[in-house]
PDB file of N, CA and C in Angstrom:
ATOM      1  N   MET A   1       0.741  -1.056  -0.040  1.00  0.00           N
ATOM      2  CA  MET A   1      -0.097   0.008   0.048  1.00  0.00           C
ATOM      3  C   MET A   1       0.972   1.253  -0.041  1.00  0.00           C
ATOM      4  N   TYR A   2       2.082   1.171   0.765  1.00  0.00           N
ATOM      5  CA  TYR A   2       2.883   2.359   0.826  1.00  0.00           C
ATOM      6  C   TYR A   2       3.452   2.717  -0.565  1.00  0.00           C
ATOM      7  N   LEU A   3       4.020   1.737  -1.341  1.00  0.00           N
ATOM      8  CA  LEU A   3       4.499   2.034  -2.479  1.00  0.00           C
ATOM      9  C   LEU A   3       3.300   2.415  -3.521  1.00  0.00           C
ATOM     10  N   TYR A   4       2.088   1.871  -3.510  1.00  0.00           N
ATOM     11  CA  TYR A   4       1.069   2.563  -4.294  1.00  0.00           C
ATOM     12  C   TYR A   4       0.803   4.124  -4.065  1.00  0.00           C
ATOM     13  N   SER A   5       0.793   4.431  -2.720  1.00  0.00           N
ATOM     14  CA  SER A   5       0.734   5.741  -2.335  1.00  0.00           C
ATOM     15  C   SER A   5       1.722   6.492  -2.681  1.00  0.00           C
ATOM     16  N   VAL A   6       3.035   6.205  -2.847  1.00  0.00           N
ATOM     17  CA  VAL A   6       4.069   6.766  -3.316  1.00  0.00           C
ATOM     18  C   VAL A   6       3.859   7.039  -4.727  1.00  0.00           C
ATOM     19  N   TRP A   7       3.514   5.968  -5.624  1.00  0.00           N
ATOM     20  CA  TRP A   7       3.203   6.177  -6.931  1.00  0.00           C
ATOM     21  C   TRP A   7       2.380   7.136  -7.463  1.00  0.00           C
ATOM     22  N   VAL A   8       1.253   7.071  -6.485  1.00  0.00           N
ATOM     23  CA  VAL A   8       0.030   8.039  -6.949  1.00  0.00           C
ATOM     24  C   VAL A   8       0.578   9.567  -6.643  1.00  0.00           C
ATOM     25  N   PHE A   9       1.265   9.753  -5.709  1.00  0.00           N
ATOM     26  CA  PHE A   9       1.875  11.082  -5.360  1.00  0.00           C
ATOM     27  C   PHE A   9       2.903  11.437  -6.423  1.00  0.00           C
ATOM     28  N   VAL A  10       3.806  10.590  -6.797  1.00  0.00           N
ATOM     29  CA  VAL A  10       4.759  10.909  -7.699  1.00  0.00           C
ATOM     30  C   VAL A  10       4.026  11.270  -9.207  1.00  0.00           C
ATOM     31  N   ASN A  11       3.022  10.486  -9.619  1.00  0.00           N
ATOM     32  CA  ASN A  11       2.252  10.551 -10.649  1.00  0.00           C
ATOM     33  C   ASN A  11       1.528  11.853 -10.841  1.00  0.00           C
ATOM     34  N   THR A  12       0.897  12.163  -9.723  1.00  0.00           N
ATOM     35  CA  THR A  12       0.191  13.482  -9.580  1.00  0.00           C
ATOM     36  C   THR A  12       1.028  14.708  -9.780  1.00  0.00           C
ATOM     37  N   VAL A  13       2.210  14.765  -8.896  1.00  0.00           N
ATOM     38  CA  VAL A  13       3.258  15.915  -9.194  1.00  0.00           C
ATOM     39  C   VAL A  13       3.633  15.806 -10.660  1.00  0.00           C
ATOM     40  N   TYR A  14       3.953  14.656 -11.316  1.00  0.00           N
ATOM     41  CA  TYR A  14       4.645  14.665 -12.490  1.00  0.00           C
ATOM     42  C   TYR A  14       3.614  15.326 -13.514  1.00  0.00           C
ATOM     43  N   ARG A  15       2.311  14.949 -13.502  1.00  0.00           N
ATOM     44  CA  ARG A  15       1.240  15.356 -14.428  1.00  0.00           C
ATOM     45  C   ARG A  15       0.986  16.849 -14.148  1.00  0.00           C
ATOM     46  N   ASN A  16       1.339  17.248 -12.867  1.00  0.00           N
ATOM     47  CA  ASN A  16       0.890  18.827 -12.638  1.00  0.00           C
ATOM     48  C   ASN A  16       2.054  19.576 -13.258  1.00  0.00           C
ATOM     49  N   LYS A  17       3.168  19.008 -13.080  1.00  0.00           N
ATOM     50  CA  LYS A  17       4.492  19.718 -13.548  1.00  0.00           C
ATOM     51  C   LYS A  17       4.723  19.774 -15.147  1.00  0.00           C
ATOM     52  N   TYR A  18       4.081  18.608 -15.730  1.00  0.00           N
ATOM     53  CA  TYR A  18       4.486  18.439 -17.019  1.00  0.00           C
ATOM     54  C   TYR A  18       3.001  18.454 -17.888  1.00  0.00           C
ATOM     55  N   GLU A  19       2.255  19.362 -17.554  1.00  0.00           N
ATOM     56  CA  GLU A  19       0.716  19.316 -17.988  1.00  0.00           C
ATOM     57  C   GLU A  19       0.873  19.193 -19.672  1.00  0.00           C
ATOM     58  N   VAL A  20       0.065  18.598 -20.281  1.00  0.00           N
ATOM     59  CA  VAL A  20       0.294  18.573 -21.787  1.00  0.00           C
ATOM     60  C   VAL A  20      -1.051  19.023 -22.138  1.00  0.00           C
ATOM     61  N   SER A  21      -1.303  19.712 -23.486  1.00  0.00           N
ATOM     62  CA  SER A  21      -2.341  20.465 -23.844  1.00  0.00           C
ATOM     63  C   SER A  21      -3.281  19.371 -24.731  1.00  0.00           C
ATOM     64  N   VAL A  22      -2.980  18.150 -24.888  1.00  0.00           N
ATOM     65  CA  VAL A  22      -3.927  17.236 -25.464  1.00  0.00           C
ATOM     66  C   VAL A  22      -4.106  16.142 -24.823  1.00  0.00           C
ATOM     67  N   ASN A  23      -5.431  15.586 -24.538  1.00  0.00           N
ATOM     68  CA  ASN A  23      -5.663  14.331 -23.850  1.00  0.00           C
ATOM     69  C   ASN A  23      -5.774  13.297 -24.785  1.00  0.00           C
ATOM     70  N   PRO A  24      -5.640  12.059 -24.390  1.00  0.00           N
ATOM     71  CA  PRO A  24      -5.652  10.972 -25.427  1.00  0.00           C
ATOM     72  C   PRO A  24      -6.954  11.049 -26.227  1.00  0.00           C
ATOM     73  N   ALA A  25      -8.105  11.131 -25.731  1.00  0.00           N
ATOM     74  CA  ALA A  25      -9.130  11.099 -26.486  1.00  0.00           C
ATOM     75  C   ALA A  25      -9.274  12.175 -27.610  1.00  0.00           C
ATOM     76  N   GLN A  26      -8.774  13.295 -27.331  1.00  0.00           N
ATOM     77  CA  GLN A  26      -8.378  14.103 -28.580  1.00  0.00           C
ATOM     78  C   GLN A  26      -7.448  13.794 -29.409  1.00  0.00           C
ATOM     79  N   ALA A  27      -6.415  13.255 -29.087  1.00  0.00           N
ATOM     80  CA  ALA A  27      -5.444  12.587 -30.089  1.00  0.00           C
ATOM     81  C   ALA A  27      -6.155  11.692 -30.940  1.00  0.00           C
ATOM     82  N   ARG A  28      -6.908  10.649 -30.408  1.00  0.00           N
ATOM     83  CA  ARG A  28      -7.559   9.540 -31.246  1.00  0.00           C
ATOM     84  C   ARG A  28      -8.426  10.165 -32.145  1.00  0.00           C
ATOM     85  N   ALA A  29      -9.285  11.300 -31.773  1.00  0.00           N
ATOM     86  CA  ALA A  29     -10.344  12.043 -32.443  1.00  0.00           C
ATOM     87  C   ALA A  29      -9.573  12.707 -33.601  1.00  0.00           C
ATOM     88  N   ALA A  30      -8.503  13.334 -33.387  1.00  0.00           N
ATOM     89  CA  ALA A  30      -7.927  14.231 -34.523  1.00  0.00           C
ATOM     90  C   ALA A  30      -7.337  13.225 -35.603  1.00  0.00           C
ATOM     91  N   ARG A  31      -6.669  12.244 -35.248  1.00  0.00           N
ATOM     92  CA  ARG A  31      -6.153  11.341 -36.109  1.00  0.00           C
ATOM     93  C   ARG A  31      -7.327  10.914 -36.828  1.00  0.00           C
ATOM     94  N   ALA A  32      -8.549  10.328 -36.336  1.00  0.00           N
ATOM     95  CA  ALA A  32      -9.522   9.631 -37.002  1.00  0.00           C
ATOM     96  C   ALA A  32     -10.357  10.782 -37.950  1.00  0.00           C
ATOM     97  N   ILE A  33     -10.352  12.101 -37.563  1.00  0.00           N
ATOM     98  CA  ILE A  33     -10.940  13.172 -38.365  1.00  0.00           C
ATOM     99  C   ILE A  33     -10.131  13.135 -39.845  1.00  0.00           C
ATOM    100  N   LEU A  34      -8.729  13.251 -39.487  1.00  0.00           N
ATOM    101  CA  LEU A  34      -7.905  13.311 -40.772  1.00  0.00           C
ATOM    102  C   LEU A  34      -7.727  12.018 -41.437  1.00  0.00           C
ATOM    103  N   LYS A  35      -8.279  10.936 -41.082  1.00  0.00           N
ATOM    104  CA  LYS A  35      -8.145   9.501 -41.568  1.00  0.00           C
ATOM    105  C   LYS A  35      -6.729   9.124 -41.821  1.00  0.00           C
ATOM    106  N   LEU A  36      -5.760   9.545 -40.694  1.00  0.00           N
ATOM    107  CA  LEU A  36      -4.325   9.169 -40.942  1.00  0.00           C
ATOM    108  C   LEU A  36      -4.191   7.845 -40.009  1.00  0.00           C
ATOM    109  N   GLY A  37      -3.265   7.177 -40.535  1.00  0.00           N
ATOM    110  CA  GLY A  37      -2.916   5.682 -39.607  1.00  0.00           C
ATOM    111  C   GLY A  37      -1.826   6.259 -38.528  1.00  0.00           C
ATOM    112  N   VAL A  38      -1.553   5.307 -37.753  1.00  0.00           N
ATOM    113  CA  VAL A  38      -0.540   5.648 -36.584  1.00  0.00           C
ATOM    114  C   VAL A  38       0.780   5.942 -37.252  1.00  0.00           C
ATOM    115  N   ARG A  39       1.141   4.899 -38.401  1.00  0.00           N
ATOM    116  CA  ARG A  39       2.534   5.021 -38.762  1.00  0.00           C
ATOM    117  C   ARG A  39       2.586   6.380 -39.492  1.00  0.00           C
ATOM    118  N   GLU A  40       1.427   6.739 -40.240  1.00  0.00           N
ATOM    119  CA  GLU A  40       1.632   8.039 -41.073  1.00  0.00           C
ATOM    120  C   GLU A  40       1.863   9.317 -39.997  1.00  0.00           C
ATOM    121  N   VAL A  41       1.064   9.380 -38.733  1.00  0.00           N
ATOM    122  CA  VAL A  41       1.392  10.244 -37.943  1.00  0.00           C
ATOM    123  C   VAL A  41       2.687  10.387 -37.214  1.00  0.00           C
ATOM    124  N   ALA A  42       3.048   9.030 -37.119  1.00  0.00           N
ATOM    125  CA  ALA A  42       4.698   8.878 -36.488  1.00  0.00           C
ATOM    126  C   ALA A  42       5.611   9.493 -37.338  1.00  0.00           C
ATOM    127  N   GLU A  43       5.425   9.122 -38.545  1.00  0.00           N
ATOM    128  CA  GLU A  43       6.522   9.643 -39.662  1.00  0.00           C
ATOM    129  C   GLU A  43       6.574  11.170 -39.617  1.00  0.00           C
ATOM    130  N   LEU A  44       5.283  11.720 -39.744  1.00  0.00           N
ATOM    131  CA  LEU A  44       5.101  13.296 -39.825  1.00  0.00           C
ATOM    132  C   LEU A  44       5.687  13.909 -38.388  1.00  0.00           C
ATOM    133  N   ALA A  45       5.331  13.456 -37.445  1.00  0.00           N
ATOM    134  CA  ALA A  45       5.912  14.000 -36.168  1.00  0.00           C
ATOM    135  C   ALA A  45       7.259  13.575 -35.869  1.00  0.00           C
ATOM    136  N   LYS A  46       7.906  12.563 -36.573  1.00  0.00           N
ATOM    137  CA  LYS A  46       9.288  12.225 -36.394  1.00  0.00           C
ATOM    138  C   LYS A  46       9.301  11.442 -35.055  1.00  0.00           C
ATOM    139  N   VAL A  47       8.418  10.721 -34.782  1.00  0.00           N
ATOM    140  CA  VAL A  47       8.416   9.796 -33.381  1.00  0.00           C
ATOM    141  C   VAL A  47       8.243   8.415 -33.908  1.00  0.00           C
ATOM    142  N   THR A  48       8.075   7.407 -33.029  1.00  0.00           N
ATOM    143  CA  THR A  48       7.771   6.157 -33.351  1.00  0.00           C
ATOM    144  C   THR A  48       6.352   5.845 -33.351  1.00  0.00           C
ATOM    145  N   ALA A  49       5.753   4.976 -33.999  1.00  0.00           N
ATOM    146  CA  ALA A  49       4.403   4.366 -33.950  1.00  0.00           C
ATOM    147  C   ALA A  49       4.090   4.109 -32.641  1.00  0.00           C
ATOM    148  N   ASN A  50       4.774   3.366 -31.713  1.00  0.00           N
ATOM    149  CA  ASN A  50       4.700   3.142 -30.609  1.00  0.00           C
ATOM    150  C   ASN A  50       4.240   4.409 -29.537  1.00  0.00           C
ATOM    151  N   THR A  51       5.034   5.265 -29.931  1.00  0.00           N
ATOM    152  CA  THR A  51       4.830   6.655 -29.149  1.00  0.00           C
ATOM    153  C   THR A  51       3.508   7.102 -29.460  1.00  0.00           C
ATOM    154  N   VAL A  52       3.197   7.140 -30.753  1.00  0.00           N
ATOM    155  CA  VAL A  52       1.843   7.742 -30.967  1.00  0.00           C
ATOM    156  C   VAL A  52       0.698   7.076 -30.271  1.00  0.00           C
ATOM    157  N   SER A  53       0.851   5.619 -30.292  1.00  0.00           N
ATOM    158  CA  SER A  53      -0.121   4.578 -29.480  1.00  0.00           C
ATOM    159  C   SER A  53      -0.244   5.195 -28.077  1.00  0.00           C
ATOM    160  N   ARG A  54       1.000   5.308 -27.465  1.00  0.00           N
ATOM    161  CA  ARG A  54       1.097   5.693 -25.846  1.00  0.00           C
ATOM    162  C   ARG A  54       0.362   7.082 -25.730  1.00  0.00           C
ATOM    163  N   VAL A  55       0.667   8.048 -26.510  1.00  0.00           N
ATOM    164  CA  VAL A  55      -0.102   9.131 -26.480  1.00  0.00           C
ATOM    165  C   VAL A  55      -1.675   8.983 -26.495  1.00  0.00           C
ATOM    166  N   GLU A  56      -2.132   8.228 -27.237  1.00  0.00           N
ATOM    167  CA  GLU A  56      -3.559   7.911 -27.454  1.00  0.00           C
ATOM    168  C   GLU A  56      -4.061   6.874 -26.519  1.00  0.00           C
ATOM    169  N   GLN A  57      -3.305   6.280 -25.514  1.00  0.00           N
ATOM    170  CA  GLN A  57      -3.677   5.413 -24.659  1.00  0.00           C
ATOM    171  C   GLN A  57      -3.505   6.112 -23.193  1.00  0.00           C
ATOM    172  N   ASP A  58      -3.013   7.189 -23.027  1.00  0.00           N
ATOM    173  CA  ASP A  58      -2.776   7.916 -21.799  1.00  0.00           C
ATOM    174  C   ASP A  58      -1.899   7.172 -20.812  1.00  0.00           C
ATOM    175  N   GLU A  59      -0.805   6.820 -21.302  1.00  0.00           N
ATOM    176  CA  GLU A  59       0.262   6.113 -20.671  1.00  0.00           C
ATOM    177  C   GLU A  59       1.203   7.465 -20.221  1.00  0.00           C
ATOM    178  N   ALA A  60       0.798   8.245 -18.990  1.00  0.00           N
ATOM    179  CA  ALA A  60       1.337   9.106 -18.600  1.00  0.00           C
ATOM    180  C   ALA A  60       2.321   8.999 -17.509  1.00  0.00           C
ATOM    181  N   GLY A  61       2.966  10.007 -16.987  1.00  0.00           N
ATOM    182  CA  GLY A  61       3.680   9.813 -15.905  1.00  0.00           C
ATOM    183  C   GLY A  61       5.297   9.910 -16.261  1.00  0.00           C
ATOM    184  N   PRO A  62       6.191   9.399 -15.345  1.00  0.00           N
ATOM    185  CA  PRO A  62       7.470   9.621 -15.685  1.00  0.00           C
ATOM    186  C   PRO A  62       7.979   8.444 -16.908  1.00  0.00           C
ATOM    187  N   ARG A  63       7.212   7.404 -17.165  1.00  0.00           N
ATOM    188  CA  ARG A  63       7.581   6.586 -18.283  1.00  0.00           C
ATOM    189  C   ARG A  63       6.674   7.010 -19.456  1.00  0.00           C
ATOM    190  N   GLY A  64       5.669   7.773 -19.564  1.00  0.00           N
ATOM    191  CA  GLY A  64       4.932   8.034 -20.789  1.00  0.00           C
ATOM    192  C   GLY A  64       5.545   9.184 -21.453  1.00  0.00           C
ATOM    193  N   PRO A  65       4.866   9.336 -22.606  1.00  0.00           N
ATOM    194  CA  PRO A  65       5.491  10.181 -23.514  1.00  0.00           C
ATOM    195  C   PRO A  65       5.695  11.612 -23.024  1.00  0.00           C
ATOM    196  N   GLN A  66       6.997  12.208 -23.559  1.00  0.00           N
ATOM    197  CA  GLN A  66       7.274  13.637 -22.930  1.00  0.00           C
ATOM    198  C   GLN A  66       6.386  14.703 -23.552  1.00  0.00           C
ATOM    199  N   PRO A  67       6.328  15.845 -22.842  1.00  0.00           N
ATOM    200  CA  PRO A  67       5.317  16.983 -23.358  1.00  0.00           C
ATOM    201  C   PRO A  67       5.825  17.375 -24.748  1.00  0.00           C
ATOM    202  N   VAL A  68       7.048  17.416 -25.082  1.00  0.00           N
ATOM    203  CA  VAL A  68       7.652  17.859 -26.073  1.00  0.00           C
ATOM    204  C   VAL A  68       7.048  17.139 -27.377  1.00  0.00           C
ATOM    205  N   THR A  69       6.836  15.685 -27.116  1.00  0.00           N
ATOM    206  CA  THR A  69       6.518  14.886 -28.058  1.00  0.00           C
ATOM    207  C   THR A  69       5.220  14.871 -28.361  1.00  0.00           C
ATOM    208  N   VAL A  70       4.220  15.097 -27.256  1.00  0.00           N
ATOM    209  CA  VAL A  70       2.818  15.262 -27.442  1.00  0.00           C
ATOM    210  C   VAL A  70       2.714  16.558 -28.223  1.00  0.00           C
ATOM    211  N   GLU A  71       3.486  17.606 -28.015  1.00  0.00           N
ATOM    212  CA  GLU A  71       3.346  18.774 -28.791  1.00  0.00           C
ATOM    213  C   GLU A  71       3.655  18.571 -30.258  1.00  0.00           C
ATOM    214  N   ALA A  72       4.661  17.913 -30.552  1.00  0.00           N
ATOM    215  CA  ALA A  72       5.153  17.374 -31.910  1.00  0.00           C
ATOM    216  C   ALA A  72       3.749  16.803 -32.629  1.00  0.00           C
ATOM    217  N   ILE A  73       3.019  15.758 -31.985  1.00  0.00           N
ATOM    218  CA  ILE A  73       2.043  15.279 -32.741  1.00  0.00           C
ATOM    219  C   ILE A  73       1.085  16.207 -32.667  1.00  0.00           C
ATOM    220  N   LYS A  74       0.524  17.083 -31.909  1.00  0.00           N
ATOM    221  CA  LYS A  74      -0.425  18.089 -31.862  1.00  0.00           C
ATOM    222  C   LYS A  74      -0.089  18.845 -33.145  1.00  0.00           C
ATOM    223  N   ARG A  75       1.192  19.300 -33.325  1.00  0.00           N
ATOM    224  CA  ARG A  75       1.368  20.118 -34.215  1.00  0.00           C
ATOM    225  C   ARG A  75       1.011  19.587 -35.910  1.00  0.00           C
ATOM    226  N   VAL A  76       1.173  18.247 -35.901  1.00  0.00           N
ATOM    227  CA  VAL A  76       1.005  17.589 -37.065  1.00  0.00           C
ATOM    228  C   VAL A  76      -0.547  17.703 -37.361  1.00  0.00           C
ATOM    229  N   TYR A  77      -1.411  17.503 -36.341  1.00  0.00           N
ATOM    230  CA  TYR A  77      -2.885  17.704 -36.557  1.00  0.00           C
ATOM    231  C   TYR A  77      -3.118  19.110 -36.972  1.00  0.00           C
ATOM    232  N   GLU A  78      -2.559  20.178 -36.071  1.00  0.00           N
ATOM    233  CA  GLU A  78      -3.051  21.484 -36.339  1.00  0.00           C
ATOM    234  C   GLU A  78      -2.499  21.892 -37.747  1.00  0.00           C
ATOM    235  N   ASP A  79      -1.399  21.441 -38.198  1.00  0.00           N
ATOM    236  CA  ASP A  79      -0.794  21.888 -39.507  1.00  0.00           C
ATOM    237  C   ASP A  79      -1.927  21.386 -40.708  1.00  0.00           C
ATOM    238  N   ARG A  80      -2.734  20.448 -40.159  1.00  0.00           N
ATOM    239  CA  ARG A  80      -3.818  19.835 -41.250  1.00  0.00           C
ATOM    240  C   ARG A  80      -5.257  20.363 -40.947  1.00  0.00           C
ATOM    241  N   GLY A  81      -5.275  21.191 -40.050  1.00  0.00           N
ATOM    242  CA  GLY A  81      -6.486  21.876 -39.953  1.00  0.00           C
ATOM    243  C   GLY A  81      -7.431  21.571 -38.835  1.00  0.00           C
ATOM    244  N   VAL A  82      -6.863  20.822 -37.806  1.00  0.00           N
ATOM    245  CA  VAL A  82      -7.439  20.542 -36.386  1.00  0.00           C
ATOM    246  C   VAL A  82      -7.431  21.402 -35.419  1.00  0.00           C
ATOM    247  N   ILE A  83      -8.303  21.768 -34.851  1.00  0.00           N
ATOM    248  CA  ILE A  83      -8.647  22.921 -33.862  1.00  0.00           C
ATOM    249  C   ILE A  83      -8.763  21.957 -32.477  1.00  0.00           C
ATOM    250  N   PHE A  84      -7.998  22.218 -31.550  1.00  0.00           N
ATOM    251  CA  PHE A  84      -8.223  21.679 -30.131  1.00  0.00           C
ATOM    252  C   PHE A  84      -8.862  22.614 -29.312  1.00  0.00           C
ATOM    253  N   PHE A  85      -9.863  22.211 -28.325  1.00  0.00           N
ATOM    254  CA  PHE A  85     -10.233  23.087 -27.514  1.00  0.00           C
ATOM    255  C   PHE A  85     -10.667  22.304 -26.173  1.00  0.00           C
ATOM    256  N   GLU A  86     -10.362  23.192 -25.184  1.00  0.00           N
ATOM    257  CA  GLU A  86     -10.556  22.694 -23.827  1.00  0.00           C
ATOM    258  C   GLU A  86     -11.625  22.383 -23.186  1.00  0.00           C
ATOM    259  N   SER A  87     -13.000  23.217 -23.770  1.00  0.00           N
ATOM    260  CA  SER A  87     -13.964  23.008 -23.244  1.00  0.00           C
ATOM    261  C   SER A  87     -15.130  23.214 -24.520  1.00  0.00           C
ATOM    262  N   GLY A  88     -16.360  22.622 -24.325  1.00  0.00           N
ATOM    263  CA  GLY A  88     -17.344  22.918 -25.151  1.00  0.00           C
ATOM    264  C   GLY A  88     -18.348  23.710 -24.699  1.00  0.00           C
ATOM    265  N   PRO A  89     -19.594  24.039 -25.551  1.00  0.00           N
ATOM    266  CA  PRO A  89     -20.409  25.004 -25.119  1.00  0.00           C
ATOM    267  C   PRO A  89     -21.262  24.441 -24.073  1.00  0.00           C
ATOM    268  N   GLY A  90     -21.773  25.243 -23.229  1.00  0.00           N
ATOM    269  CA  GLY A  90     -22.629  24.667 -22.173  1.00  0.00           C
ATOM    270  C   GLY A  90     -21.867  24.210 -21.071  1.00  0.00           C
ATOM    271  N   PRO A  91     -22.496  23.908 -20.076  1.00  0.00           N
ATOM    272  CA  PRO A  91     -21.689  23.590 -18.590  1.00  0.00           C
ATOM    273  C   PRO A  91     -21.129  22.082 -18.817  1.00  0.00           C
ATOM    274  N   ASP A  92     -21.888  21.505 -19.707  1.00  0.00           N
ATOM    275  CA  ASP A  92     -21.092  19.868 -19.750  1.00  0.00           C
ATOM    276  C   ASP A  92     -20.284  19.885 -20.925  1.00  0.00           C
ATOM    277  N   GLY A  93     -19.764  20.779 -21.592  1.00  0.00           N
ATOM    278  CA  GLY A  93     -19.089  20.535 -22.692  1.00  0.00           C
ATOM    279  C   GLY A  93     -17.604  20.094 -22.209  1.00  0.00           C
ATOM    280  N   GLY A  94     -16.945  19.277 -22.683  1.00  0.00           N
ATOM    281  CA  GLY A  94     -15.609  19.080 -22.344  1.00  0.00           C
ATOM    282  C   GLY A  94     -14.708  19.231 -23.455  1.00  0.00           C
ATOM    283  N   PRO A  95     -13.430  18.763 -23.462  1.00  0.00           N
ATOM    284  CA  PRO A  95     -12.388  19.053 -24.217  1.00  0.00           C
ATOM    285  C   PRO A  95     -12.860  18.128 -25.575  1.00  0.00           C
ATOM    286  N   GLY A  96     -12.217  18.879 -26.912  1.00  0.00           N
ATOM    287  CA  GLY A  96     -12.784  18.362 -28.032  1.00  0.00           C
ATOM    288  C   GLY A  96     -11.874  18.532 -29.276  1.00  0.00           C
ATOM    289  N   VAL A  97     -12.072  18.409 -30.363  1.00  0.00           N
ATOM    290  CA  VAL A  97     -11.392  18.707 -31.660  1.00  0.00           C
ATOM    291  C   VAL A  97     -12.387  19.101 -32.721  1.00  0.00           C
ATOM    292  N   ARG A  98     -12.132  19.847 -33.658  1.00  0.00           N
ATOM    293  CA  ARG A  98     -12.788  19.974 -34.864  1.00  0.00           C
ATOM    294  C   ARG A  98     -12.107  20.349 -35.942  1.00  0.00           C
ATOM    295  N   LEU A  99     -12.385  20.242 -37.194  1.00  0.00           N
ATOM    296  CA  LEU A  99     -11.800  20.905 -38.320  1.00  0.00           C
ATOM    297  C   LEU A  99     -11.936  22.272 -38.558  1.00  0.00           C
ATOM    298  N   ALA A 100     -10.984  23.232 -38.870  1.00  0.00           N
ATOM    299  CA  ALA A 100     -11.089  24.287 -39.343  1.00  0.00           C
ATOM    300  C   ALA A 100     -12.031  24.526 -40.373  1.00  0.00           C
ATOM    301  N   ARG A 101     -12.549  25.751 -40.586  1.00  0.00           N
ATOM    302  CA  ARG A 101     -13.396  25.785 -42.015  1.00  0.00           C
ATOM    303  C   ARG A 101     -12.723  26.333 -42.952  1.00  0.00           C
TER     304      ARG A 101
END
């Protein structure tokens, strides 16, 4: 139990210190909107396909993808017209993505 408590604390501190601007659902949605494969995104972002998958699976923390890597993937999507937003309209709107007009 002690080790689990330490892990939770470290993971929380790490997430707060290295907050990224894209959550896994947004990353998956952006790739789907653009109809890109994992390998295509990886090549464009200059990362491995495994890294793209980790970003989409929320493997955060000390062993997860670095924020700079997440930002590189986000840039690929933004360069192709995807807009990321933190919350939607109304009180229940959450993070999402859409294509620019």
